[in-house]
Amino acid sequence: MFVRFLRPNNLSQKMMRVIFSIYMVVTLVITSVQFLSEYLKTQAVIVGELQQLEVTVRGPISTSLWQYDQNQLDVITDGLVQMPIIEGVEVFDKNAQNIISKTFDVDSSVPLSIFDSKLELNRTLNGERIPLGTLVLYSSSGVVLDRVWFGFALIAFTAFIKLTILFWLFIWAFDRYLATPLKELMSQVNEVQLSQGISKRIHLSNTENNELSQLQEHMNSMLAAMSSDRKRLIEDEQAKRSWLEDAVAKRTEDLQALNKKLKYLATRDSLTNILNRGSFFDAAQQRLALSQRQESTVSFILMDLDYFKRINDSYGHFVGDKVLIHFTQTLQGFLRKTDLLGRVGGEEFAILLFDTKLDDASQLAEKICQAISHSALEVEGNTISYTVSLGVESSELSDTSIDELFKRADLKLYGAKDKGRDRVES
């Protein structure tokens, strides 16, 4: 305990050391003042006693000096020296010459201080005062200390008892009202820090309304505010996360739709919005493979607009584009949902008819040829008429590639062109 007091390692012990040190210094000062006061008071009493003795022996000593009775003077001074309060006696004549000087030398120790009392010796004769000399009685601090020693010891013992009792009272008070509550507070603060959440609160066992209870309230208010802020931050984070997830989902949906649209556009002819050459042949190859597994027949119609270059040269490419669109729309009126239609060249188009034999395909080709030859297109005040040549071919069991079917249909197409165009060759 004393080691902790001399070398404190926490705030409460430092405060206790400072307060107790101040109290101890004040106690020592007060005790020293009491010692000094008692000493001076006793010294004054002794001086008074010396003066009374001088008055008592004035007559005998004056008589001895008047009569020059040295023996009587020695007896009187020897008696004075033997008294407890007297350390020494000196007698001087009227010329200040020392007649007698005696000290009590039982104790050889040197006193702290010497003080004296002087008395003028004289004789009255016929009403006239005749000076005879001076009597000096000496006393010392040793005499004073001998008298006040018990009082000093009592004062010192009382001060020691008070310091000891107050020391332990200080320790008890600081431990009861400061050290223990602070340890409890620090322990609960550590528990709050180690806890997963911040919902835990501090509850001190000492419920008195003091600075520690106010500190507890402030810390609990701070924890409540932190908990509220954390809850709000979590809610904000969840809201932002939900918003972000919704935004990502929407963006993903948009991207998927855009990709789907791009994929669709990548398979389509930009002018007529039907399958382009690559997409048509890929789809046709899949249909051919399916028909071979099902042991059915697909038919391939390859078409080429007759003298299309003349239309572009005579009316311009804008009119030529309108003719191509008109031709595509006319074809779509003759096709089923299962049939494939694609633009495989500038003015070349192809149709793949699923589960369709050659005769049926030829009949459809005749209908298309007649519909085109009897149609007319009005563009910018011009009436445009055009025809188409068609080559028709059907698959065989040995066909494994759509290119083989395309080549045979292409030969039929050139055959139709060689025979005068605007016709079907199958």
Protein backbone atom coordinates (compact mmCIF):
# COMPACT_ATOMS: atom_id res chain seq x y z
CA MET A 1 0.00 0.00 0.00
CA PHE A 2 2.81 2.43 0.92
CA VAL A 3 4.70 1.51 -2.25
CA ARG A 4 1.60 2.28 -4.33
CA PHE A 5 1.24 5.52 -2.37
CA LEU A 6 4.83 6.55 -3.10
CA ARG A 7 4.68 5.38 -6.73
CA PRO A 8 1.07 5.75 -7.86
CA ASN A 9 0.07 4.25 -11.21
CA ASN A 10 -3.45 5.60 -11.49
CA LEU A 11 -5.31 8.87 -11.07
CA SER A 12 -7.03 8.09 -7.76
CA GLN A 13 -3.73 7.16 -6.06
CA LYS A 14 -2.04 10.28 -7.39
CA MET A 15 -4.88 12.42 -6.05
CA MET A 16 -4.66 10.65 -2.70
CA ARG A 17 -0.89 11.22 -2.51
CA VAL A 18 -1.23 14.92 -3.35
CA ILE A 19 -4.06 15.53 -0.85
CA PHE A 20 -2.45 13.52 1.94
CA SER A 21 0.95 15.15 1.33
CA ILE A 22 -0.64 18.59 1.61
CA TYR A 23 -2.42 17.56 4.80
CA MET A 24 0.80 16.11 6.25
CA VAL A 25 2.76 19.30 5.49
CA VAL A 26 0.01 21.41 7.07
CA THR A 27 -0.02 19.12 10.12
CA LEU A 28 3.76 19.35 10.47
CA VAL A 29 3.64 23.14 10.23
CA ILE A 30 0.88 23.38 12.83
CA THR A 31 2.69 20.93 15.11
CA SER A 32 5.94 22.91 14.75
CA VAL A 33 4.09 26.10 15.62
CA GLN A 34 2.66 24.36 18.68
CA PHE A 35 6.15 23.20 19.68
CA LEU A 36 7.57 26.72 19.30
CA SER A 37 4.67 28.30 21.15
CA GLU A 38 5.00 25.85 24.02
CA TYR A 39 8.74 26.40 24.12
CA LEU A 40 8.46 30.20 24.23
CA LYS A 41 5.70 30.04 26.82
CA THR A 42 7.75 27.78 29.09
CA GLN A 43 10.83 29.95 28.61
CA ALA A 44 8.81 33.02 29.68
CA VAL A 45 7.65 31.13 32.77
CA ILE A 46 11.24 30.22 33.66
CA VAL A 47 12.34 33.81 33.15
CA GLY A 48 9.57 34.85 35.54
CA GLU A 49 10.75 32.31 38.08
CA LEU A 50 14.31 33.60 37.76
CA GLN A 51 13.11 37.11 38.43
CA GLN A 52 11.21 35.94 41.51
CA LEU A 53 14.36 34.19 42.78
CA GLU A 54 16.38 37.33 42.21
CA VAL A 55 13.89 39.33 44.24
CA THR A 56 14.05 36.66 46.96
CA VAL A 57 17.85 36.59 47.22
CA ARG A 58 18.39 40.30 46.56
CA GLY A 59 18.48 41.15 50.23
CA PRO A 60 20.94 38.46 51.39
CA ILE A 61 23.27 39.02 48.43
CA SER A 62 23.13 42.83 48.85
CA THR A 63 23.91 42.43 52.54
CA SER A 64 26.83 40.13 51.77
CA LEU A 65 28.23 42.61 49.28
CA TRP A 66 27.76 45.50 51.73
CA GLN A 67 29.50 43.59 54.46
CA TYR A 68 32.05 42.02 52.14
CA ASP A 69 31.09 38.64 53.48
CA GLN A 70 32.50 36.35 50.79
CA ASN A 71 31.62 33.13 52.57
CA GLN A 72 27.97 34.03 52.89
CA LEU A 73 27.92 35.09 49.25
CA ASP A 74 29.37 31.73 48.16
CA VAL A 75 26.80 29.85 50.18
CA ILE A 76 23.95 31.79 48.66
CA THR A 77 25.22 31.41 45.06
CA ASP A 78 25.91 27.70 45.59
CA GLY A 79 22.31 27.29 46.69
CA LEU A 80 21.09 29.12 43.61
CA VAL A 81 23.17 26.97 41.26
CA GLN A 82 21.65 23.83 42.73
CA MET A 83 18.15 24.95 41.74
CA PRO A 84 16.74 23.06 38.62
CA ILE A 85 15.98 26.15 36.62
CA ILE A 86 19.37 27.81 37.06
CA GLU A 87 22.33 26.94 34.86
CA GLY A 88 24.63 29.60 36.21
CA VAL A 89 25.06 32.58 38.56
CA GLU A 90 27.24 35.64 38.18
CA VAL A 91 27.71 38.53 40.57
CA PHE A 92 29.33 41.81 39.46
CA ASP A 93 30.41 44.71 41.65
CA LYS A 94 29.44 48.25 41.04
CA ASN A 95 32.38 48.60 38.65
CA ALA A 96 31.15 45.62 36.57
CA GLN A 97 33.95 43.44 37.78
CA ASN A 98 33.01 39.78 38.11
CA ILE A 99 33.06 38.70 41.69
CA ILE A 100 31.42 35.27 41.44
CA SER A 101 30.76 33.06 38.41
CA LYS A 102 29.32 29.59 38.98
CA THR A 103 27.66 27.06 36.61
CA PHE A 104 25.97 23.70 37.10
CA ASP A 105 28.15 21.35 34.99
CA VAL A 106 26.51 17.99 35.66
CA ASP A 107 25.54 17.61 31.96
CA SER A 108 28.40 18.37 29.62
CA SER A 109 26.13 18.83 26.57
CA VAL A 110 25.99 22.30 25.13
CA PRO A 111 22.47 23.82 25.29
CA LEU A 112 20.84 25.21 22.19
CA SER A 113 20.45 28.65 23.74
CA ILE A 114 21.23 30.55 26.99
CA PHE A 115 19.02 33.26 28.41
CA ASP A 116 19.42 35.26 31.62
CA SER A 117 17.74 37.61 34.10
CA LYS A 118 19.60 40.60 35.54
CA LEU A 119 18.89 42.37 38.80
CA GLU A 120 20.59 45.53 40.06
CA LEU A 121 21.85 45.20 43.66
CA ASN A 122 21.81 48.32 45.89
CA ARG A 123 21.64 49.45 49.49
CA THR A 124 19.56 52.25 50.94
CA LEU A 125 21.33 54.38 53.55
CA ASN A 126 19.81 57.50 55.08
CA GLY A 127 17.33 57.57 52.26
CA GLU A 128 20.02 57.34 49.61
CA ARG A 129 20.27 54.32 47.26
CA ILE A 130 23.83 53.07 46.98
CA PRO A 131 24.59 50.74 43.99
CA LEU A 132 26.44 47.59 44.99
CA GLY A 133 26.54 45.57 41.73
CA THR A 134 24.53 43.23 39.50
CA LEU A 135 23.13 39.72 39.94
CA VAL A 136 22.73 37.63 36.77
CA LEU A 137 20.88 34.28 36.82
CA TYR A 138 21.26 32.04 33.73
CA SER A 139 19.01 29.38 32.38
CA SER A 140 19.07 27.45 29.04
CA SER A 141 17.03 25.69 26.41
CA GLY A 142 17.82 22.41 28.11
CA VAL A 143 15.80 23.51 31.17
CA VAL A 144 12.93 24.56 28.95
CA LEU A 145 13.03 21.28 27.01
CA ASP A 146 13.09 19.30 30.24
CA ARG A 147 9.84 20.95 31.22
CA VAL A 148 8.10 20.75 27.90
CA TRP A 149 9.43 17.33 26.85
CA PHE A 150 6.31 15.46 27.93
CA GLY A 151 4.06 18.01 26.21
CA PHE A 152 6.15 17.75 23.05
CA ALA A 153 5.97 13.96 23.13
CA LEU A 154 2.21 14.09 23.66
CA ILE A 155 1.74 16.54 20.79
CA ALA A 156 3.96 14.42 18.49
CA PHE A 157 2.19 11.20 19.45
CA THR A 158 -1.20 12.81 18.90
CA ALA A 159 -0.11 14.11 15.51
CA PHE A 160 1.20 10.66 14.54
CA ILE A 161 -2.05 9.00 15.58
CA LYS A 162 -4.06 11.54 13.61
CA LEU A 163 -1.84 11.11 10.52
CA THR A 164 -2.10 7.33 10.70
CA ILE A 165 -5.86 7.32 11.14
CA LEU A 166 -6.38 9.92 8.44
CA PHE A 167 -4.05 8.05 6.09
CA TRP A 168 -6.17 4.92 6.28
CA LEU A 169 -9.35 6.99 6.13
CA PHE A 170 -8.02 8.63 2.97
CA ILE A 171 -7.25 5.21 1.51
CA TRP A 172 -10.69 3.88 2.39
CA ALA A 173 -12.49 6.98 1.09
CA PHE A 174 -10.60 7.07 -2.20
CA ASP A 175 -11.03 3.36 -2.71
CA ARG A 176 -14.73 3.50 -1.81
CA TYR A 177 -15.75 6.60 -3.73
CA LEU A 178 -13.20 6.89 -6.54
CA ALA A 179 -10.89 3.91 -7.18
CA THR A 180 -13.54 1.16 -7.08
CA PRO A 181 -16.11 3.06 -9.22
CA LEU A 182 -13.37 3.95 -11.72
CA LYS A 183 -12.27 0.29 -11.95
CA GLU A 184 -15.89 -0.74 -12.44
CA LEU A 185 -16.33 1.96 -15.08
CA MET A 186 -13.18 0.89 -16.97
CA SER A 187 -14.23 -2.77 -16.77
CA GLN A 188 -17.65 -2.02 -18.25
CA VAL A 189 -16.09 0.19 -20.93
CA ASN A 190 -13.84 -2.75 -21.91
CA GLU A 191 -16.90 -5.02 -22.06
CA VAL A 192 -18.61 -2.53 -24.37
CA GLN A 193 -15.52 -2.42 -26.59
CA LEU A 194 -15.30 -6.22 -26.74
CA SER A 195 -19.01 -6.71 -27.42
CA GLN A 196 -20.09 -7.31 -31.03
CA GLY A 197 -22.65 -4.51 -30.99
CA ILE A 198 -22.92 -1.22 -29.12
CA SER A 199 -26.31 -1.90 -27.56
CA LYS A 200 -24.66 -2.66 -24.20
CA ARG A 201 -24.82 0.16 -21.62
CA ILE A 202 -22.80 1.08 -18.52
CA HIS A 203 -24.47 0.56 -15.13
CA LEU A 204 -22.39 1.43 -12.07
CA SER A 205 -23.35 -0.16 -8.75
CA ASN A 206 -22.87 3.20 -6.99
CA THR A 207 -25.98 5.16 -7.90
CA GLU A 208 -25.11 8.36 -6.03
CA ASN A 209 -25.56 11.58 -7.98
CA ASN A 210 -21.95 12.61 -8.51
CA GLU A 211 -19.46 13.20 -11.30
CA LEU A 212 -19.08 9.47 -11.98
CA SER A 213 -22.83 9.00 -12.37
CA GLN A 214 -22.90 12.03 -14.68
CA LEU A 215 -20.01 10.52 -16.65
CA GLN A 216 -21.98 7.27 -16.87
CA GLU A 217 -25.00 9.14 -18.23
CA HIS A 218 -22.86 10.99 -20.79
CA MET A 219 -21.16 7.77 -21.93
CA ASN A 220 -24.53 5.99 -22.23
CA SER A 221 -25.87 8.94 -24.21
CA MET A 222 -22.81 8.73 -26.46
CA LEU A 223 -23.33 4.96 -26.91
CA ALA A 224 -27.01 5.53 -27.69
CA ALA A 225 -26.09 8.16 -30.27
CA MET A 226 -23.47 5.83 -31.77
CA SER A 227 -26.02 3.00 -31.90
CA SER A 228 -28.55 5.28 -33.57
CA ASP A 229 -25.95 6.52 -36.06
CA ARG A 230 -24.85 2.96 -36.77
CA LYS A 231 -28.44 1.85 -37.31
CA ARG A 232 -29.03 4.80 -39.63
CA LEU A 233 -25.82 4.05 -41.53
CA ILE A 234 -26.83 0.39 -41.89
CA GLU A 235 -30.26 1.44 -43.13
CA ASP A 236 -28.67 3.91 -45.55
CA GLU A 237 -26.23 1.25 -46.71
CA GLN A 238 -29.05 -1.25 -47.19
CA ALA A 239 -31.08 1.36 -49.09
CA LYS A 240 -28.08 2.18 -51.28
CA ARG A 241 -27.39 -1.52 -51.79
CA SER A 242 -31.02 -2.14 -52.76
CA TRP A 243 -30.91 0.85 -55.08
CA LEU A 244 -27.65 -0.38 -56.55
CA GLU A 245 -29.01 -3.90 -56.96
CA ASP A 246 -32.13 -2.51 -58.65
CA ALA A 247 -29.98 -0.28 -60.84
CA VAL A 248 -27.70 -3.20 -61.71
CA ALA A 249 -30.72 -5.44 -62.39
CA LYS A 250 -32.30 -2.77 -64.58
CA ARG A 251 -29.02 -2.12 -66.35
CA THR A 252 -28.55 -5.88 -66.81
CA GLU A 253 -32.07 -6.14 -68.16
CA ASP A 254 -31.42 -3.22 -70.48
CA LEU A 255 -28.14 -4.77 -71.57
CA GLN A 256 -29.82 -8.10 -72.16
CA ALA A 257 -32.53 -6.40 -74.18
CA LEU A 258 -29.90 -4.43 -76.06
CA ASN A 259 -27.84 -7.55 -76.66
CA LYS A 260 -30.94 -9.33 -77.83
CA LYS A 261 -31.70 -6.41 -80.11
CA LEU A 262 -28.12 -6.31 -81.35
CA LYS A 263 -28.17 -10.06 -81.88
CA TYR A 264 -31.42 -9.67 -83.77
CA LEU A 265 -30.02 -6.81 -85.85
CA ALA A 266 -26.86 -8.80 -86.50
CA THR A 267 -28.98 -11.52 -88.13
CA ARG A 268 -31.12 -9.16 -90.17
CA ASP A 269 -30.74 -7.29 -93.40
CA SER A 270 -30.74 -3.59 -92.58
CA LEU A 271 -32.99 -2.65 -95.54
CA THR A 272 -35.61 -5.38 -95.69
CA ASN A 273 -35.43 -6.57 -92.04
CA ILE A 274 -35.30 -10.21 -93.11
CA LEU A 275 -32.48 -12.70 -92.45
CA ASN A 276 -29.13 -11.73 -93.92
CA ARG A 277 -27.02 -14.20 -95.86
CA GLY A 278 -25.04 -15.65 -92.93
CA SER A 279 -28.03 -15.97 -90.59
CA PHE A 280 -30.18 -17.49 -93.34
CA PHE A 281 -27.64 -20.20 -94.16
CA ASP A 282 -27.05 -21.00 -90.47
CA ALA A 283 -30.78 -21.40 -89.85
CA ALA A 284 -31.26 -23.30 -93.10
CA GLN A 285 -28.46 -25.72 -92.14
CA GLN A 286 -30.21 -26.44 -88.81
CA ARG A 287 -33.53 -27.04 -90.62
CA LEU A 288 -31.85 -29.36 -93.09
CA ALA A 289 -30.24 -31.38 -90.29
CA LEU A 290 -33.61 -31.61 -88.49
CA SER A 291 -35.36 -32.78 -91.67
CA GLN A 292 -32.74 -35.46 -92.21
CA ARG A 293 -33.31 -36.80 -88.68
CA GLN A 294 -37.06 -36.75 -89.26
CA GLU A 295 -36.61 -38.19 -92.77
CA SER A 296 -38.63 -35.33 -94.25
CA THR A 297 -37.97 -32.96 -97.15
CA VAL A 298 -37.07 -29.28 -97.32
CA SER A 299 -37.28 -27.20 -100.46
CA PHE A 300 -35.04 -24.31 -101.45
CA ILE A 301 -36.30 -21.42 -103.63
CA LEU A 302 -33.61 -19.07 -104.93
CA MET A 303 -34.89 -15.80 -106.49
CA ASP A 304 -33.31 -12.97 -108.45
CA LEU A 305 -35.02 -9.77 -109.57
CA ASP A 306 -34.90 -9.38 -113.36
CA TYR A 307 -32.98 -6.37 -114.70
CA PHE A 308 -32.76 -4.77 -111.25
CA LYS A 309 -29.70 -2.77 -112.32
CA ARG A 310 -31.84 -0.96 -114.89
CA ILE A 311 -34.20 0.17 -112.14
CA ASN A 312 -31.29 1.62 -110.11
CA ASP A 313 -29.81 3.26 -113.17
CA SER A 314 -33.17 4.69 -114.38
CA TYR A 315 -34.80 5.75 -111.11
CA GLY A 316 -31.95 5.78 -108.60
CA HIS A 317 -31.04 3.65 -105.62
CA PHE A 318 -33.82 5.09 -103.47
CA VAL A 319 -36.43 3.64 -105.84
CA GLY A 320 -34.39 0.45 -106.06
CA ASP A 321 -34.55 0.12 -102.26
CA LYS A 322 -38.31 0.61 -102.35
CA VAL A 323 -38.59 -2.19 -104.92
CA LEU A 324 -36.59 -4.54 -102.69
CA ILE A 325 -38.80 -3.72 -99.70
CA HIS A 326 -41.94 -4.22 -101.83
CA PHE A 327 -40.64 -7.56 -103.04
CA THR A 328 -39.87 -8.69 -99.46
CA GLN A 329 -43.32 -7.70 -98.19
CA THR A 330 -44.94 -9.57 -101.12
CA LEU A 331 -42.96 -12.73 -100.29
CA GLN A 332 -43.90 -12.62 -96.61
CA GLY A 333 -47.57 -12.83 -97.62
CA PHE A 334 -46.99 -16.30 -99.06
CA LEU A 335 -44.87 -17.82 -96.25
CA ARG A 336 -45.62 -19.79 -93.09
CA LYS A 337 -44.06 -19.12 -89.68
CA THR A 338 -41.84 -22.15 -90.12
CA ASP A 339 -40.46 -20.97 -93.46
CA LEU A 340 -37.19 -19.04 -93.73
CA LEU A 341 -36.73 -15.92 -95.87
CA GLY A 342 -33.36 -14.28 -96.42
CA ARG A 343 -31.54 -11.80 -98.62
CA VAL A 344 -28.48 -13.65 -99.91
CA GLY A 345 -27.23 -11.03 -102.38
CA GLY A 346 -27.92 -7.55 -103.72
CA GLU A 347 -31.17 -8.54 -105.46
CA GLU A 348 -31.06 -12.25 -104.65
CA PHE A 349 -33.42 -13.77 -102.11
CA ALA A 350 -33.87 -17.32 -100.82
CA ILE A 351 -36.71 -19.26 -99.18
CA LEU A 352 -36.37 -22.51 -97.25
CA LEU A 353 -39.65 -24.40 -96.93
CA PHE A 354 -39.63 -26.92 -94.07
CA ASP A 355 -41.35 -30.28 -94.62
CA THR A 356 -42.25 -29.30 -98.19
CA LYS A 357 -41.73 -31.41 -101.30
CA LEU A 358 -40.67 -30.18 -104.69
CA ASP A 359 -44.15 -30.00 -106.26
CA ASP A 360 -45.54 -27.88 -103.44
CA ALA A 361 -42.51 -25.65 -103.52
CA SER A 362 -42.87 -25.21 -107.30
CA GLN A 363 -46.51 -24.25 -106.94
CA LEU A 364 -45.59 -21.62 -104.33
CA ALA A 365 -42.84 -20.30 -106.61
CA GLU A 366 -45.34 -19.96 -109.49
CA LYS A 367 -47.69 -17.96 -107.25
CA ILE A 368 -44.86 -15.66 -106.25
CA CYS A 369 -43.75 -15.19 -109.84
CA GLN A 370 -47.26 -14.32 -111.00
CA ALA A 371 -47.89 -11.99 -108.04
CA ILE A 372 -44.72 -10.03 -108.76
CA SER A 373 -45.30 -9.81 -112.50
CA HIS A 374 -48.81 -8.46 -111.98
CA SER A 375 -47.84 -5.94 -109.27
CA ALA A 376 -46.96 -2.29 -109.74
CA LEU A 377 -45.20 0.04 -107.32
CA GLU A 378 -45.84 3.79 -107.16
CA VAL A 379 -42.71 5.70 -106.04
CA GLU A 380 -42.40 9.51 -106.33
CA GLY A 381 -44.93 9.65 -109.20
CA ASN A 382 -43.34 6.74 -111.06
CA THR A 383 -45.06 3.40 -111.66
CA ILE A 384 -42.49 0.64 -111.30
CA SER A 385 -43.11 -2.86 -112.66
CA TYR A 386 -40.59 -5.68 -112.30
CA THR A 387 -40.35 -9.47 -112.56
CA VAL A 388 -38.43 -12.22 -110.80
CA SER A 389 -36.77 -15.47 -111.84
CA LEU A 390 -36.92 -18.45 -109.46
CA GLY A 391 -35.02 -21.73 -109.15
CA VAL A 392 -36.55 -24.50 -106.99
CA GLU A 393 -34.75 -27.52 -105.53
CA SER A 394 -35.65 -30.10 -102.86
CA SER A 395 -33.37 -31.98 -100.49
CA GLU A 396 -32.36 -35.59 -100.81
CA LEU A 397 -31.44 -38.10 -98.12
CA SER A 398 -27.79 -37.77 -99.08
CA ASP A 399 -27.73 -33.98 -98.56
CA THR A 400 -25.77 -32.97 -95.46
CA SER A 401 -24.94 -29.37 -96.33
CA ILE A 402 -27.24 -26.52 -97.25
CA ASP A 403 -24.55 -25.35 -99.69
CA GLU A 404 -25.23 -28.39 -101.89
CA LEU A 405 -28.92 -27.52 -102.01
CA PHE A 406 -28.05 -23.87 -102.73
CA LYS A 407 -25.79 -24.81 -105.63
CA ARG A 408 -28.49 -26.95 -107.27
CA ALA A 409 -31.10 -24.19 -106.78
CA ASP A 410 -28.65 -21.67 -108.22
CA LEU A 411 -28.28 -23.79 -111.36
CA LYS A 412 -32.06 -23.88 -111.68
CA LEU A 413 -32.17 -20.09 -111.28
CA TYR A 414 -29.65 -19.52 -114.07
CA GLY A 415 -31.68 -21.93 -116.14
CA ALA A 416 -34.77 -19.75 -115.65
CA LYS A 417 -32.79 -16.66 -116.65
CA ASP A 418 -31.47 -18.38 -119.76
CA LYS A 419 -35.01 -19.33 -120.77
CA GLY A 420 -36.23 -15.75 -120.78
CA ARG A 421 -36.61 -14.75 -117.10
CA ASP A 422 -39.88 -14.09 -115.27
CA ARG A 423 -40.34 -17.81 -114.79
CA VAL A 424 -39.82 -20.75 -112.40
CA GLU A 425 -37.39 -23.55 -113.06
CA SER A 426 -37.60 -26.70 -110.91
